Amino acid sequence: MKDIVENKFLVWEYCNDPEIQYIDCLPPQPIKNFLPHWFTDLKGNMSDYDSTNGFDKTIRHCLGFRGLLDLGFTIPLPETLDGYDTKFSQGRVHPEMLHGTKWANKGKTPWTDDDFSLYEYRLRLLHWPWRAKMARGWRLIILPFLLDWQDDWHEFAGAPAPSYDKFSNSCNIGSYLQFDQKIDARYNYYNLESVVAYKRSVNIKKGTVVFCALPYYDIMLFDKQEGIKNQVV
């Protein structure tokens, strides 16, 4: 699979690590390619639903919500998330790392005969076989999927520093997945990784959209990377 040039600020680089090829992962795509059914089926006028609550329009007319359609990229899950570790989905996050939240809630008995954990949720680190190569000043923020909500699972937000391990390897920036493309110090690199929590009573099916990767231009980061001091006028 070839790298994808989105624009002069962003290139998606594909990881050709042989151990991850089994998942046949799609490339990052605009979030608007994966509109949920509740939104595509939603009518624009409240009168279509015989509503008498005094409102004329549904959220299809909301400029703020419609603006989300043009923000960010995502990839559907390339495999179902169940209770087992894979090269893509690994239990490298423990519920107690979120101590004090519902994600660390425990029951009194083991979940099932073959799952002796007392924790209500599983946490998984997802290693997507793509990374972002971005111009200086650009960051990549990982967010939950912006157009839908779930009761049984949650994707966490994150915004790592660019090229966070300072090129410890000539081709990699910390991911245990192996890339062939050489690191270019003139650019910022971000591994496409995300963390999801889901109830032990459910699996998240292959093809589900769980995250949004949002490119963001940070002028303060650009000034720092270019060595420009802010001046007060």
C-alpha atoms as a PDB file:
ATOM      1  CA  MET A   1       0.000   0.000   0.000  1.00  0.00           C
ATOM      2  CA  LYS A   2       1.400   3.406  -0.969  1.00  0.00           C
ATOM      3  CA  ASP A   3       1.678   6.536   1.123  1.00  0.00           C
ATOM      4  CA  ILE A   4      -1.108   9.098   0.638  1.00  0.00           C
ATOM      5  CA  VAL A   5      -0.435  12.784   0.052  1.00  0.00           C
ATOM      6  CA  GLU A   6      -3.411  14.766   1.402  1.00  0.00           C
ATOM      7  CA  ASN A   7      -1.876  18.216   0.855  1.00  0.00           C
ATOM      8  CA  LYS A   8       1.429  20.058   1.311  1.00  0.00           C
ATOM      9  CA  PHE A   9       1.016  19.867   5.102  1.00  0.00           C
ATOM     10  CA  LEU A  10       0.045  16.197   5.552  1.00  0.00           C
ATOM     11  CA  VAL A  11       1.211  12.844   4.197  1.00  0.00           C
ATOM     12  CA  TRP A  12      -0.078   9.519   5.520  1.00  0.00           C
ATOM     13  CA  GLU A  13       2.716   6.932   5.639  1.00  0.00           C
ATOM     14  CA  TYR A  14       1.810   3.248   5.637  1.00  0.00           C
ATOM     15  CA  CYS A  15       3.474   0.719   7.921  1.00  0.00           C
ATOM     16  CA  ASN A  16       4.529  -2.358   5.975  1.00  0.00           C
ATOM     17  CA  ASP A  17       5.483  -4.351   9.064  1.00  0.00           C
ATOM     18  CA  PRO A  18       4.739  -7.930   7.932  1.00  0.00           C
ATOM     19  CA  GLU A  19       3.089  -8.842  11.258  1.00  0.00           C
ATOM     20  CA  ILE A  20       0.301  -6.263  10.843  1.00  0.00           C
ATOM     21  CA  GLN A  21      -0.584  -6.920   7.189  1.00  0.00           C
ATOM     22  CA  TYR A  22      -3.167  -9.566   8.086  1.00  0.00           C
ATOM     23  CA  ILE A  23      -5.720  -6.887   9.017  1.00  0.00           C
ATOM     24  CA  ASP A  24      -5.827  -5.307   5.522  1.00  0.00           C
ATOM     25  CA  CYS A  25      -6.398  -1.866   7.065  1.00  0.00           C
ATOM     26  CA  LEU A  26      -7.989   0.868   4.952  1.00  0.00           C
ATOM     27  CA  PRO A  27      -6.192   4.241   4.667  1.00  0.00           C
ATOM     28  CA  PRO A  28      -7.328   7.306   6.637  1.00  0.00           C
ATOM     29  CA  GLN A  29     -10.346   8.916   5.005  1.00  0.00           C
ATOM     30  CA  PRO A  30     -12.397  12.091   5.634  1.00  0.00           C
ATOM     31  CA  ILE A  31     -14.836  11.677   8.488  1.00  0.00           C
ATOM     32  CA  LYS A  32     -17.722  12.711   6.200  1.00  0.00           C
ATOM     33  CA  ASN A  33     -17.329   9.373   4.377  1.00  0.00           C
ATOM     34  CA  PHE A  34     -18.701   7.606   7.459  1.00  0.00           C
ATOM     35  CA  LEU A  35     -21.859   9.474   8.418  1.00  0.00           C
ATOM     36  CA  PRO A  36     -23.977   7.448  10.883  1.00  0.00           C
ATOM     37  CA  HIS A  37     -27.430   6.314   9.825  1.00  0.00           C
ATOM     38  CA  TRP A  38     -29.166   8.420  12.455  1.00  0.00           C
ATOM     39  CA  PHE A  39     -27.822  11.537  10.705  1.00  0.00           C
ATOM     40  CA  THR A  40     -28.269  10.476   7.087  1.00  0.00           C
ATOM     41  CA  ASP A  41     -31.846   9.385   7.851  1.00  0.00           C
ATOM     42  CA  LEU A  42     -32.680  12.516   9.847  1.00  0.00           C
ATOM     43  CA  LYS A  43     -35.217  14.839   8.224  1.00  0.00           C
ATOM     44  CA  GLY A  44     -34.691  18.581   8.308  1.00  0.00           C
ATOM     45  CA  ASN A  45     -38.087  19.719   9.559  1.00  0.00           C
ATOM     46  CA  MET A  46     -39.616  18.874  12.915  1.00  0.00           C
ATOM     47  CA  SER A  47     -43.016  18.812  11.238  1.00  0.00           C
ATOM     48  CA  ASP A  48     -41.962  15.587   9.506  1.00  0.00           C
ATOM     49  CA  TYR A  49     -42.074  13.979  12.948  1.00  0.00           C
ATOM     50  CA  ASP A  50     -45.414  15.537  13.963  1.00  0.00           C
ATOM     51  CA  SER A  51     -43.603  17.440  16.671  1.00  0.00           C
ATOM     52  CA  THR A  52     -45.489  19.953  18.783  1.00  0.00           C
ATOM     53  CA  ASN A  53     -42.611  21.130  20.981  1.00  0.00           C
ATOM     54  CA  GLY A  54     -42.245  24.541  19.353  1.00  0.00           C
ATOM     55  CA  PHE A  55     -39.059  23.840  17.347  1.00  0.00           C
ATOM     56  CA  ASP A  56     -39.112  24.051  13.549  1.00  0.00           C
ATOM     57  CA  LYS A  57     -35.813  22.452  12.498  1.00  0.00           C
ATOM     58  CA  THR A  58     -33.790  19.383  13.445  1.00  0.00           C
ATOM     59  CA  ILE A  59     -30.046  19.322  14.024  1.00  0.00           C
ATOM     60  CA  ARG A  60     -29.491  18.847  10.283  1.00  0.00           C
ATOM     61  CA  HIS A  61     -29.798  22.633  10.079  1.00  0.00           C
ATOM     62  CA  CYS A  62     -27.260  23.259  12.883  1.00  0.00           C
ATOM     63  CA  LEU A  63     -24.242  25.020  11.370  1.00  0.00           C
ATOM     64  CA  GLY A  64     -21.997  23.893  14.208  1.00  0.00           C
ATOM     65  CA  PHE A  65     -22.896  20.243  13.828  1.00  0.00           C
ATOM     66  CA  ARG A  66     -22.712  20.328  10.038  1.00  0.00           C
ATOM     67  CA  GLY A  67     -19.272  21.889  10.351  1.00  0.00           C
ATOM     68  CA  LEU A  68     -17.995  18.653  11.898  1.00  0.00           C
ATOM     69  CA  LEU A  69     -18.497  16.870   8.583  1.00  0.00           C
ATOM     70  CA  ASP A  70     -15.420  18.536   7.106  1.00  0.00           C
ATOM     71  CA  LEU A  71     -13.080  18.017  10.067  1.00  0.00           C
ATOM     72  CA  GLY A  72     -10.613  15.203  10.476  1.00  0.00           C
ATOM     73  CA  PHE A  73      -9.962  11.689   9.268  1.00  0.00           C
ATOM     74  CA  THR A  74     -10.856   8.218  10.453  1.00  0.00           C
ATOM     75  CA  ILE A  75     -10.526   4.503   9.643  1.00  0.00           C
ATOM     76  CA  PRO A  76     -13.117   1.797  10.357  1.00  0.00           C
ATOM     77  CA  LEU A  77     -11.961  -0.975  12.686  1.00  0.00           C
ATOM     78  CA  PRO A  78     -10.068  -3.555  10.601  1.00  0.00           C
ATOM     79  CA  GLU A  79     -11.009  -6.350  13.015  1.00  0.00           C
ATOM     80  CA  THR A  80     -13.511  -7.023  15.780  1.00  0.00           C
ATOM     81  CA  LEU A  81     -12.398  -6.052  19.291  1.00  0.00           C
ATOM     82  CA  ASP A  82     -13.058  -8.918  21.671  1.00  0.00           C
ATOM     83  CA  GLY A  83     -11.218 -10.165  24.724  1.00  0.00           C
ATOM     84  CA  TYR A  84      -8.012 -11.216  23.004  1.00  0.00           C
ATOM     85  CA  ASP A  85      -4.795  -9.379  22.223  1.00  0.00           C
ATOM     86  CA  THR A  86      -3.706  -9.089  18.613  1.00  0.00           C
ATOM     87  CA  LYS A  87      -0.945  -7.212  16.838  1.00  0.00           C
ATOM     88  CA  PHE A  88      -3.456  -4.417  16.237  1.00  0.00           C
ATOM     89  CA  SER A  89      -5.326  -4.427  19.576  1.00  0.00           C
ATOM     90  CA  GLN A  90      -3.317  -4.901  22.762  1.00  0.00           C
ATOM     91  CA  GLY A  91      -4.113  -4.680  26.463  1.00  0.00           C
ATOM     92  CA  ARG A  92      -1.348  -2.203  27.195  1.00  0.00           C
ATOM     93  CA  VAL A  93      -3.692   0.008  29.218  1.00  0.00           C
ATOM     94  CA  HIS A  94      -5.024  -1.112  32.613  1.00  0.00           C
ATOM     95  CA  PRO A  95      -8.307   0.107  34.176  1.00  0.00           C
ATOM     96  CA  GLU A  96      -6.451   1.224  37.313  1.00  0.00           C
ATOM     97  CA  MET A  97      -4.553   3.722  35.168  1.00  0.00           C
ATOM     98  CA  LEU A  98      -7.936   5.539  35.210  1.00  0.00           C
ATOM     99  CA  HIS A  99      -8.497   5.020  38.935  1.00  0.00           C
ATOM    100  CA  GLY A 100     -11.459   6.965  40.252  1.00  0.00           C
ATOM    101  CA  THR A 101     -13.399   6.826  36.987  1.00  0.00           C
ATOM    102  CA  LYS A 102     -16.113   4.450  35.842  1.00  0.00           C
ATOM    103  CA  TRP A 103     -13.572   2.754  33.582  1.00  0.00           C
ATOM    104  CA  ALA A 104     -11.997   1.261  36.731  1.00  0.00           C
ATOM    105  CA  ASN A 105     -15.257  -0.020  38.248  1.00  0.00           C
ATOM    106  CA  LYS A 106     -15.155  -3.585  39.563  1.00  0.00           C
ATOM    107  CA  GLY A 107     -17.778  -6.184  40.288  1.00  0.00           C
ATOM    108  CA  LYS A 108     -17.675  -8.817  43.032  1.00  0.00           C
ATOM    109  CA  THR A 109     -17.380 -11.956  40.931  1.00  0.00           C
ATOM    110  CA  PRO A 110     -15.369 -12.925  37.815  1.00  0.00           C
ATOM    111  CA  TRP A 111     -16.994 -11.835  34.593  1.00  0.00           C
ATOM    112  CA  THR A 112     -17.278 -15.286  33.002  1.00  0.00           C
ATOM    113  CA  ASP A 113     -15.794 -18.734  33.470  1.00  0.00           C
ATOM    114  CA  ASP A 114     -13.005 -17.920  31.018  1.00  0.00           C
ATOM    115  CA  ASP A 115     -12.508 -14.304  32.103  1.00  0.00           C
ATOM    116  CA  PHE A 116     -11.503 -13.952  35.748  1.00  0.00           C
ATOM    117  CA  SER A 117     -11.209 -10.165  35.760  1.00  0.00           C
ATOM    118  CA  LEU A 118     -13.491  -8.163  38.055  1.00  0.00           C
ATOM    119  CA  TYR A 119     -13.231  -4.993  35.967  1.00  0.00           C
ATOM    120  CA  GLU A 120     -16.335  -3.951  34.052  1.00  0.00           C
ATOM    121  CA  TYR A 121     -14.385  -2.542  31.094  1.00  0.00           C
ATOM    122  CA  ARG A 122     -11.557  -3.731  28.906  1.00  0.00           C
ATOM    123  CA  LEU A 123      -9.040  -1.150  27.723  1.00  0.00           C
ATOM    124  CA  ARG A 124      -7.149  -1.609  24.471  1.00  0.00           C
ATOM    125  CA  LEU A 125      -4.408   0.317  22.718  1.00  0.00           C
ATOM    126  CA  LEU A 126      -5.047   0.227  18.981  1.00  0.00           C
ATOM    127  CA  HIS A 127      -2.013   0.357  16.685  1.00  0.00           C
ATOM    128  CA  TRP A 128      -3.265   1.637  13.324  1.00  0.00           C
ATOM    129  CA  PRO A 129      -0.690   0.862  10.589  1.00  0.00           C
ATOM    130  CA  TRP A 130      -0.503   4.498   9.505  1.00  0.00           C
ATOM    131  CA  ARG A 131       1.275   7.594  10.721  1.00  0.00           C
ATOM    132  CA  ALA A 132       1.064  11.296   9.863  1.00  0.00           C
ATOM    133  CA  LYS A 133       4.021  13.190   8.423  1.00  0.00           C
ATOM    134  CA  MET A 134       3.175  16.865   8.911  1.00  0.00           C
ATOM    135  CA  ALA A 135       4.772  20.251   8.335  1.00  0.00           C
ATOM    136  CA  ARG A 136       6.252  22.102  11.304  1.00  0.00           C
ATOM    137  CA  GLY A 137       3.654  23.702  13.527  1.00  0.00           C
ATOM    138  CA  TRP A 138       1.061  21.024  12.767  1.00  0.00           C
ATOM    139  CA  ARG A 139      -0.272  18.620  15.381  1.00  0.00           C
ATOM    140  CA  LEU A 140      -2.576  15.589  15.225  1.00  0.00           C
ATOM    141  CA  ILE A 141      -5.283  15.326  17.867  1.00  0.00           C
ATOM    142  CA  ILE A 142      -7.071  12.016  18.463  1.00  0.00           C
ATOM    143  CA  LEU A 143     -10.737  12.442  19.411  1.00  0.00           C
ATOM    144  CA  PRO A 144     -13.765  10.190  19.797  1.00  0.00           C
ATOM    145  CA  PHE A 145     -15.801   9.857  16.613  1.00  0.00           C
ATOM    146  CA  LEU A 146     -17.560  13.214  16.503  1.00  0.00           C
ATOM    147  CA  LEU A 147     -20.822  12.203  14.849  1.00  0.00           C
ATOM    148  CA  ASP A 148     -22.078   9.361  17.032  1.00  0.00           C
ATOM    149  CA  TRP A 149     -22.198   8.214  20.653  1.00  0.00           C
ATOM    150  CA  GLN A 150     -22.219   4.800  22.306  1.00  0.00           C
ATOM    151  CA  ASP A 151     -23.339   3.485  25.701  1.00  0.00           C
ATOM    152  CA  ASP A 152     -21.066   0.433  25.723  1.00  0.00           C
ATOM    153  CA  TRP A 153     -17.702   1.854  24.694  1.00  0.00           C
ATOM    154  CA  HIS A 154     -15.669   5.036  24.598  1.00  0.00           C
ATOM    155  CA  GLU A 155     -12.653   6.254  22.599  1.00  0.00           C
ATOM    156  CA  PHE A 156     -10.286   8.522  24.531  1.00  0.00           C
ATOM    157  CA  ALA A 157      -8.823  11.799  23.289  1.00  0.00           C
ATOM    158  CA  GLY A 158      -5.086  12.433  23.053  1.00  0.00           C
ATOM    159  CA  ALA A 159      -2.562  14.890  21.623  1.00  0.00           C
ATOM    160  CA  PRO A 160       1.041  13.573  21.792  1.00  0.00           C
ATOM    161  CA  ALA A 161       4.046  15.758  21.202  1.00  0.00           C
ATOM    162  CA  PRO A 162       5.433  15.545  17.650  1.00  0.00           C
ATOM    163  CA  SER A 163       8.123  12.935  17.043  1.00  0.00           C
ATOM    164  CA  TYR A 164       8.074  12.406  20.789  1.00  0.00           C
ATOM    165  CA  ASP A 165      11.088  10.136  21.206  1.00  0.00           C
ATOM    166  CA  LYS A 166      13.406  12.361  19.133  1.00  0.00           C
ATOM    167  CA  PHE A 167      14.135   9.863  16.386  1.00  0.00           C
ATOM    168  CA  SER A 168      15.545   7.049  18.488  1.00  0.00           C
ATOM    169  CA  ASN A 169      15.289   4.940  15.355  1.00  0.00           C
ATOM    170  CA  SER A 170      15.963   6.180  11.835  1.00  0.00           C
ATOM    171  CA  CYS A 171      12.559   4.910  10.654  1.00  0.00           C
ATOM    172  CA  ASN A 172      10.370   4.838  13.788  1.00  0.00           C
ATOM    173  CA  ILE A 173       9.130   7.258  16.444  1.00  0.00           C
ATOM    174  CA  GLY A 174       8.243   4.940  19.287  1.00  0.00           C
ATOM    175  CA  SER A 175       5.665   2.629  17.737  1.00  0.00           C
ATOM    176  CA  TYR A 176       6.451  -1.042  17.973  1.00  0.00           C
ATOM    177  CA  LEU A 177       5.243  -1.313  14.389  1.00  0.00           C
ATOM    178  CA  GLN A 178       8.111  -1.124  11.911  1.00  0.00           C
ATOM    179  CA  PHE A 179       8.139   1.538   9.185  1.00  0.00           C
ATOM    180  CA  ASP A 180      10.439   1.607   6.162  1.00  0.00           C
ATOM    181  CA  GLN A 181      10.230   5.332   5.467  1.00  0.00           C
ATOM    182  CA  LYS A 182      13.158   7.323   6.814  1.00  0.00           C
ATOM    183  CA  ILE A 183      12.435  10.035   9.372  1.00  0.00           C
ATOM    184  CA  ASP A 184      12.967  13.559   8.028  1.00  0.00           C
ATOM    185  CA  ALA A 185      13.796  15.951  10.897  1.00  0.00           C
ATOM    186  CA  ARG A 186      12.205  18.859   9.015  1.00  0.00           C
ATOM    187  CA  TYR A 187       8.745  17.383   9.668  1.00  0.00           C
ATOM    188  CA  ASN A 188       6.541  16.366  12.587  1.00  0.00           C
ATOM    189  CA  TYR A 189       5.530  12.715  12.882  1.00  0.00           C
ATOM    190  CA  TYR A 190       2.584  11.225  14.732  1.00  0.00           C
ATOM    191  CA  ASN A 191       1.802   7.539  15.072  1.00  0.00           C
ATOM    192  CA  LEU A 192      -1.876   6.823  14.550  1.00  0.00           C
ATOM    193  CA  GLU A 193      -2.723   5.156  17.858  1.00  0.00           C
ATOM    194  CA  SER A 194      -5.863   5.298  19.973  1.00  0.00           C
ATOM    195  CA  VAL A 195      -7.213   3.897  23.238  1.00  0.00           C
ATOM    196  CA  VAL A 196     -10.706   2.492  23.632  1.00  0.00           C
ATOM    197  CA  ALA A 197     -12.616   1.184  26.671  1.00  0.00           C
ATOM    198  CA  TYR A 198     -15.498  -1.220  26.145  1.00  0.00           C
ATOM    199  CA  LYS A 199     -17.730  -3.303  28.374  1.00  0.00           C
ATOM    200  CA  ARG A 200     -16.789  -6.937  28.767  1.00  0.00           C
ATOM    201  CA  SER A 201     -20.325  -7.861  27.748  1.00  0.00           C
ATOM    202  CA  VAL A 202     -19.816  -6.534  24.200  1.00  0.00           C
ATOM    203  CA  ASN A 203     -17.505  -6.790  21.222  1.00  0.00           C
ATOM    204  CA  ILE A 204     -16.919  -3.798  18.951  1.00  0.00           C
ATOM    205  CA  LYS A 205     -17.526  -5.096  15.458  1.00  0.00           C
ATOM    206  CA  LYS A 206     -15.173  -4.832  12.522  1.00  0.00           C
ATOM    207  CA  GLY A 207     -16.088  -1.805  10.402  1.00  0.00           C
ATOM    208  CA  THR A 208     -17.118   0.366  13.355  1.00  0.00           C
ATOM    209  CA  VAL A 209     -15.748   3.912  13.386  1.00  0.00           C
ATOM    210  CA  VAL A 210     -14.329   4.702  16.835  1.00  0.00           C
ATOM    211  CA  PHE A 211     -12.011   7.705  16.453  1.00  0.00           C
ATOM    212  CA  CYS A 212     -11.316  10.946  14.620  1.00  0.00           C
ATOM    213  CA  ALA A 213      -7.812  12.257  13.832  1.00  0.00           C
ATOM    214  CA  LEU A 214      -7.904  16.041  13.607  1.00  0.00           C
ATOM    215  CA  PRO A 215      -4.985  18.001  12.046  1.00  0.00           C
ATOM    216  CA  TYR A 216      -4.439  21.237  13.946  1.00  0.00           C
ATOM    217  CA  TYR A 217      -2.105  24.156  13.263  1.00  0.00           C
ATOM    218  CA  ASP A 218      -0.484  25.350  16.499  1.00  0.00           C
ATOM    219  CA  ILE A 219       1.208  28.729  16.005  1.00  0.00           C
ATOM    220  CA  MET A 220       3.015  28.417  19.346  1.00  0.00           C
ATOM    221  CA  LEU A 221       4.450  25.076  18.292  1.00  0.00           C
ATOM    222  CA  PHE A 222       5.510  26.575  14.963  1.00  0.00           C
ATOM    223  CA  ASP A 223       7.276  29.484  16.695  1.00  0.00           C
ATOM    224  CA  LYS A 224       9.059  27.062  18.997  1.00  0.00           C
ATOM    225  CA  GLN A 225      10.146  24.820  16.159  1.00  0.00           C
ATOM    226  CA  GLU A 226      11.301  27.720  14.019  1.00  0.00           C
ATOM    227  CA  GLY A 227      13.103  29.379  16.922  1.00  0.00           C
ATOM    228  CA  ILE A 228      11.009  32.547  16.689  1.00  0.00           C
ATOM    229  CA  LYS A 229      10.430  34.459  19.913  1.00  0.00           C
ATOM    230  CA  ASN A 230       7.017  35.976  20.432  1.00  0.00           C
ATOM    231  CA  GLN A 231       7.149  39.750  20.517  1.00  0.00           C
ATOM    232  CA  VAL A 232       4.745  42.027  22.307  1.00  0.00           C
ATOM    233  CA  VAL A 233       3.729  44.979  20.156  1.00  0.00           C
END
